[in-house]
Each structure stands twice: as structure tokens, then as C-alpha cells.
């Protein structure tokens, strides 16, 4: 698979696979609080394209930026890093 340019990648956990060829990935990041200087977890959900419907809920996946595939879908599943138990 050839990649053009520097496309961003995100690691996350699959929270839904109910749609056909689409998964919802929840990505977690740490943000430092401006006043208290503690780290807070923030989450964001991304819809990603899964061509073979291989992902299950709980899988850790790597998604890569792509062209718009639908109204909300702008990511593709690149690989499954860890399968759910």
C-alpha cells in the first residue's frame, strides 16, 4: 500500500462495528489543565472505513487519514494492532 505525503495516523479502540464496512474508533489523549496542571483524559470518536469488516468491538486499531468517503467518514483502518479477547 503506497501513501502520498504525510497523512496522520491515530491509535484507538473500536467501540462500534454495527455499520457495514464502517467502525467507530475512540481515541484517547491527555491534556494538561491550565490552572491545576493535572493531566485530564479527553476522548474523540472517528468513523473509519473497514473494507473486509474484520474489526470487532474492543480491538486496538491504527487508522489513517484519507479522502472523504461519506458525510462523516474521513479515515481508513490501516491495521489491527491487538485483537479483543
N, C-alpha and C. Protein backbone atom coordinates (compact mmCIF):
# COMPACT_ATOMS: atom_id res chain seq x y z
N UNK A 1 0.84 -1.18 0.00
CA UNK A 1 0.00 0.00 0.00
C UNK A 1 0.89 1.24 0.00
N UNK A 2 0.70 2.11 -0.96
CA UNK A 2 1.52 3.31 -1.08
C UNK A 2 0.80 4.51 -0.47
N UNK A 3 1.55 5.33 0.25
CA UNK A 3 0.98 6.51 0.89
C UNK A 3 1.55 7.76 0.24
N UNK A 4 0.70 8.75 0.01
CA UNK A 4 1.14 10.01 -0.57
C UNK A 4 1.22 11.05 0.51
N UNK A 5 2.37 11.69 0.65
CA UNK A 5 2.51 12.77 1.62
C UNK A 5 2.54 12.26 3.05
N UNK A 6 2.37 13.18 3.99
CA UNK A 6 2.37 12.84 5.40
C UNK A 6 0.94 12.83 5.91
N UNK A 7 0.34 11.66 5.93
CA UNK A 7 -1.02 11.52 6.43
C UNK A 7 -0.94 11.13 7.90
N UNK A 8 -1.79 11.75 8.71
CA UNK A 8 -1.73 11.46 10.13
C UNK A 8 -2.38 10.13 10.45
N UNK A 9 -1.87 9.50 11.48
CA UNK A 9 -2.40 8.22 11.95
C UNK A 9 -2.80 8.38 13.41
N UNK A 10 -3.80 7.59 13.83
CA UNK A 10 -4.30 7.63 15.19
C UNK A 10 -4.51 6.20 15.67
N UNK A 11 -4.11 5.94 16.91
CA UNK A 11 -4.39 4.65 17.54
C UNK A 11 -5.61 4.80 18.41
N UNK A 12 -6.47 3.78 18.40
CA UNK A 12 -7.68 3.85 19.21
C UNK A 12 -8.32 2.48 19.38
N UNK A 13 -9.45 2.46 20.07
CA UNK A 13 -10.18 1.23 20.36
C UNK A 13 -11.52 1.28 19.64
N UNK A 14 -11.89 0.15 19.02
CA UNK A 14 -13.17 0.07 18.31
C UNK A 14 -14.30 0.00 19.34
N UNK A 15 -15.26 0.94 19.23
CA UNK A 15 -16.40 0.94 20.15
C UNK A 15 -17.68 0.50 19.46
N UNK A 16 -17.71 0.50 18.12
CA UNK A 16 -18.89 0.06 17.39
C UNK A 16 -18.49 -0.47 16.02
N UNK A 17 -19.15 -1.58 15.61
CA UNK A 17 -18.93 -2.12 14.26
C UNK A 17 -20.27 -2.51 13.65
N UNK A 18 -21.34 -1.85 14.06
CA UNK A 18 -22.69 -2.20 13.62
C UNK A 18 -22.98 -1.79 12.18
N UNK A 19 -22.25 -0.79 11.66
CA UNK A 19 -22.47 -0.35 10.29
C UNK A 19 -21.70 -1.25 9.32
N UNK A 20 -22.14 -1.29 8.08
CA UNK A 20 -21.47 -2.10 7.07
C UNK A 20 -20.21 -1.37 6.60
N UNK A 21 -19.05 -2.05 6.72
CA UNK A 21 -17.75 -1.53 6.30
C UNK A 21 -17.34 -0.25 7.02
N UNK A 22 -17.91 -0.02 8.20
CA UNK A 22 -17.56 1.17 8.98
C UNK A 22 -17.40 0.79 10.44
N UNK A 23 -16.36 1.36 11.07
CA UNK A 23 -16.15 1.17 12.50
C UNK A 23 -16.08 2.55 13.16
N UNK A 24 -16.40 2.59 14.44
CA UNK A 24 -16.24 3.82 15.21
C UNK A 24 -15.09 3.59 16.17
N UNK A 25 -14.07 4.46 16.09
CA UNK A 25 -12.85 4.32 16.88
C UNK A 25 -12.79 5.45 17.90
N UNK A 26 -12.55 5.08 19.16
CA UNK A 26 -12.42 6.07 20.23
C UNK A 26 -10.95 6.26 20.53
N UNK A 27 -10.45 7.49 20.31
CA UNK A 27 -9.05 7.81 20.54
C UNK A 27 -8.95 8.66 21.81
N UNK A 28 -7.96 8.34 22.62
CA UNK A 28 -7.77 8.99 23.90
C UNK A 28 -6.51 9.85 23.85
N UNK A 29 -6.59 11.04 24.47
CA UNK A 29 -5.39 11.88 24.56
C UNK A 29 -5.36 12.56 25.92
N UNK A 30 -4.18 12.94 26.37
CA UNK A 30 -4.02 13.60 27.66
C UNK A 30 -3.82 15.09 27.43
N UNK A 31 -4.57 15.91 28.19
CA UNK A 31 -4.48 17.36 28.10
C UNK A 31 -4.15 17.90 29.48
N UNK A 32 -3.22 18.84 29.54
CA UNK A 32 -2.84 19.43 30.82
C UNK A 32 -3.81 20.55 31.19
N UNK A 33 -4.32 20.52 32.41
CA UNK A 33 -5.24 21.55 32.89
C UNK A 33 -4.47 22.86 33.07
N UNK A 34 -5.07 23.98 32.62
CA UNK A 34 -4.38 25.27 32.63
C UNK A 34 -4.08 25.77 34.04
N UNK A 35 -4.99 25.56 34.98
CA UNK A 35 -4.82 26.10 36.33
C UNK A 35 -4.19 25.08 37.27
N UNK A 36 -4.72 23.86 37.27
CA UNK A 36 -4.29 22.85 38.25
C UNK A 36 -3.11 22.01 37.80
N UNK A 37 -2.71 22.11 36.54
CA UNK A 37 -1.55 21.41 35.98
C UNK A 37 -1.63 19.89 36.14
N UNK A 38 -2.86 19.37 36.16
CA UNK A 38 -3.06 17.92 36.18
C UNK A 38 -3.42 17.49 34.77
N UNK A 39 -3.13 16.23 34.45
CA UNK A 39 -3.47 15.71 33.14
C UNK A 39 -4.86 15.10 33.15
N UNK A 40 -5.66 15.47 32.15
CA UNK A 40 -7.04 15.01 32.04
C UNK A 40 -7.16 14.21 30.76
N UNK A 41 -7.92 13.09 30.81
CA UNK A 41 -8.15 12.29 29.61
C UNK A 41 -9.27 12.92 28.80
N UNK A 42 -9.04 13.08 27.52
CA UNK A 42 -10.05 13.57 26.58
C UNK A 42 -10.22 12.52 25.49
N UNK A 43 -11.47 12.36 25.01
CA UNK A 43 -11.77 11.36 24.01
C UNK A 43 -12.35 12.00 22.77
N UNK A 44 -12.13 11.35 21.63
CA UNK A 44 -12.77 11.76 20.40
C UNK A 44 -13.10 10.50 19.60
N UNK A 45 -14.24 10.51 18.93
CA UNK A 45 -14.66 9.35 18.14
C UNK A 45 -14.47 9.66 16.66
N UNK A 46 -13.95 8.68 15.93
CA UNK A 46 -13.75 8.80 14.50
C UNK A 46 -14.45 7.64 13.81
N UNK A 47 -15.10 7.92 12.66
CA UNK A 47 -15.64 6.85 11.84
C UNK A 47 -14.58 6.49 10.82
N UNK A 48 -14.29 5.19 10.71
CA UNK A 48 -13.24 4.73 9.82
C UNK A 48 -13.76 3.61 8.91
N UNK A 49 -13.18 3.52 7.72
CA UNK A 49 -13.59 2.53 6.73
C UNK A 49 -12.87 1.22 7.01
N UNK A 50 -13.64 0.13 7.07
CA UNK A 50 -13.11 -1.22 7.30
C UNK A 50 -13.64 -2.10 6.16
N UNK A 51 -12.87 -2.24 5.11
CA UNK A 51 -13.33 -2.85 3.86
C UNK A 51 -13.81 -4.29 4.04
N UNK A 52 -13.08 -5.11 4.81
CA UNK A 52 -13.45 -6.52 4.96
C UNK A 52 -14.29 -6.82 6.20
N UNK A 53 -14.72 -5.81 6.92
CA UNK A 53 -15.47 -5.99 8.17
C UNK A 53 -14.73 -6.92 9.13
N UNK A 54 -13.41 -6.71 9.32
CA UNK A 54 -12.60 -7.58 10.15
C UNK A 54 -12.60 -7.18 11.62
N UNK A 55 -12.90 -5.92 11.92
CA UNK A 55 -12.77 -5.42 13.30
C UNK A 55 -13.94 -5.84 14.17
N UNK A 56 -13.62 -6.14 15.41
CA UNK A 56 -14.62 -6.44 16.43
C UNK A 56 -14.53 -5.37 17.51
N UNK A 57 -15.57 -5.26 18.34
CA UNK A 57 -15.56 -4.29 19.43
C UNK A 57 -14.46 -4.66 20.42
N UNK A 58 -13.65 -3.68 20.78
CA UNK A 58 -12.54 -3.89 21.71
C UNK A 58 -11.19 -4.03 21.05
N UNK A 59 -11.15 -4.16 19.73
CA UNK A 59 -9.87 -4.25 19.01
C UNK A 59 -9.13 -2.92 19.08
N UNK A 60 -7.79 -2.99 19.23
CA UNK A 60 -6.98 -1.79 19.13
C UNK A 60 -6.53 -1.68 17.68
N UNK A 61 -6.81 -0.54 17.05
CA UNK A 61 -6.53 -0.37 15.62
C UNK A 61 -5.74 0.91 15.36
N UNK A 62 -5.14 0.93 14.18
CA UNK A 62 -4.43 2.11 13.69
C UNK A 62 -5.21 2.62 12.48
N UNK A 63 -5.65 3.89 12.53
CA UNK A 63 -6.39 4.46 11.41
C UNK A 63 -5.57 5.57 10.77
N UNK A 64 -5.77 5.75 9.47
CA UNK A 64 -5.01 6.75 8.71
C UNK A 64 -5.98 7.68 8.00
N UNK A 65 -5.57 8.91 7.85
CA UNK A 65 -6.36 9.93 7.19
C UNK A 65 -6.57 9.56 5.73
N UNK A 66 -7.74 9.89 5.17
CA UNK A 66 -7.99 9.62 3.76
C UNK A 66 -8.94 10.68 3.21
N UNK A 67 -9.27 10.52 1.96
CA UNK A 67 -10.23 11.45 1.35
C UNK A 67 -11.60 11.19 1.96
N UNK A 68 -12.53 12.15 1.85
CA UNK A 68 -13.87 11.90 2.39
C UNK A 68 -14.55 10.73 1.69
N UNK A 69 -14.98 9.75 2.49
CA UNK A 69 -15.63 8.55 1.95
C UNK A 69 -17.14 8.64 2.09
N UNK A 70 -17.62 9.44 3.04
CA UNK A 70 -19.05 9.69 3.22
C UNK A 70 -19.18 10.99 4.00
N UNK A 71 -20.36 11.26 4.50
CA UNK A 71 -20.59 12.51 5.23
C UNK A 71 -19.67 12.65 6.44
N UNK A 72 -19.51 11.58 7.22
CA UNK A 72 -18.71 11.63 8.44
C UNK A 72 -17.39 10.88 8.36
N UNK A 73 -17.20 10.06 7.35
CA UNK A 73 -16.07 9.15 7.29
C UNK A 73 -14.89 9.74 6.53
N UNK A 74 -13.78 10.03 7.26
CA UNK A 74 -12.57 10.57 6.65
C UNK A 74 -11.32 9.79 7.03
N UNK A 75 -11.49 8.59 7.54
CA UNK A 75 -10.37 7.75 7.99
C UNK A 75 -10.53 6.35 7.44
N UNK A 76 -9.39 5.63 7.32
CA UNK A 76 -9.38 4.23 6.90
C UNK A 76 -8.65 3.42 7.95
N UNK A 77 -9.11 2.20 8.18
CA UNK A 77 -8.43 1.32 9.11
C UNK A 77 -7.20 0.75 8.40
N UNK A 78 -6.02 1.02 8.97
CA UNK A 78 -4.77 0.58 8.36
C UNK A 78 -4.40 -0.82 8.83
N UNK A 79 -4.45 -1.07 10.14
CA UNK A 79 -4.14 -2.41 10.66
C UNK A 79 -4.74 -2.59 12.04
N UNK A 80 -4.91 -3.85 12.38
CA UNK A 80 -5.39 -4.21 13.72
C UNK A 80 -4.14 -4.48 14.55
N UNK A 81 -3.94 -3.68 15.60
CA UNK A 81 -2.75 -3.81 16.43
C UNK A 81 -2.91 -4.93 17.45
N UNK A 82 -4.13 -5.06 18.01
CA UNK A 82 -4.38 -6.09 19.03
C UNK A 82 -5.85 -6.49 18.96
N UNK A 83 -6.09 -7.80 18.89
CA UNK A 83 -7.46 -8.30 18.85
C UNK A 83 -8.04 -8.32 20.25
N UNK A 84 -9.38 -8.14 20.32
CA UNK A 84 -10.08 -8.20 21.61
C UNK A 84 -10.17 -9.64 22.07
N UNK A 85 -10.22 -9.81 23.37
CA UNK A 85 -10.29 -11.18 23.91
C UNK A 85 -11.70 -11.68 23.93
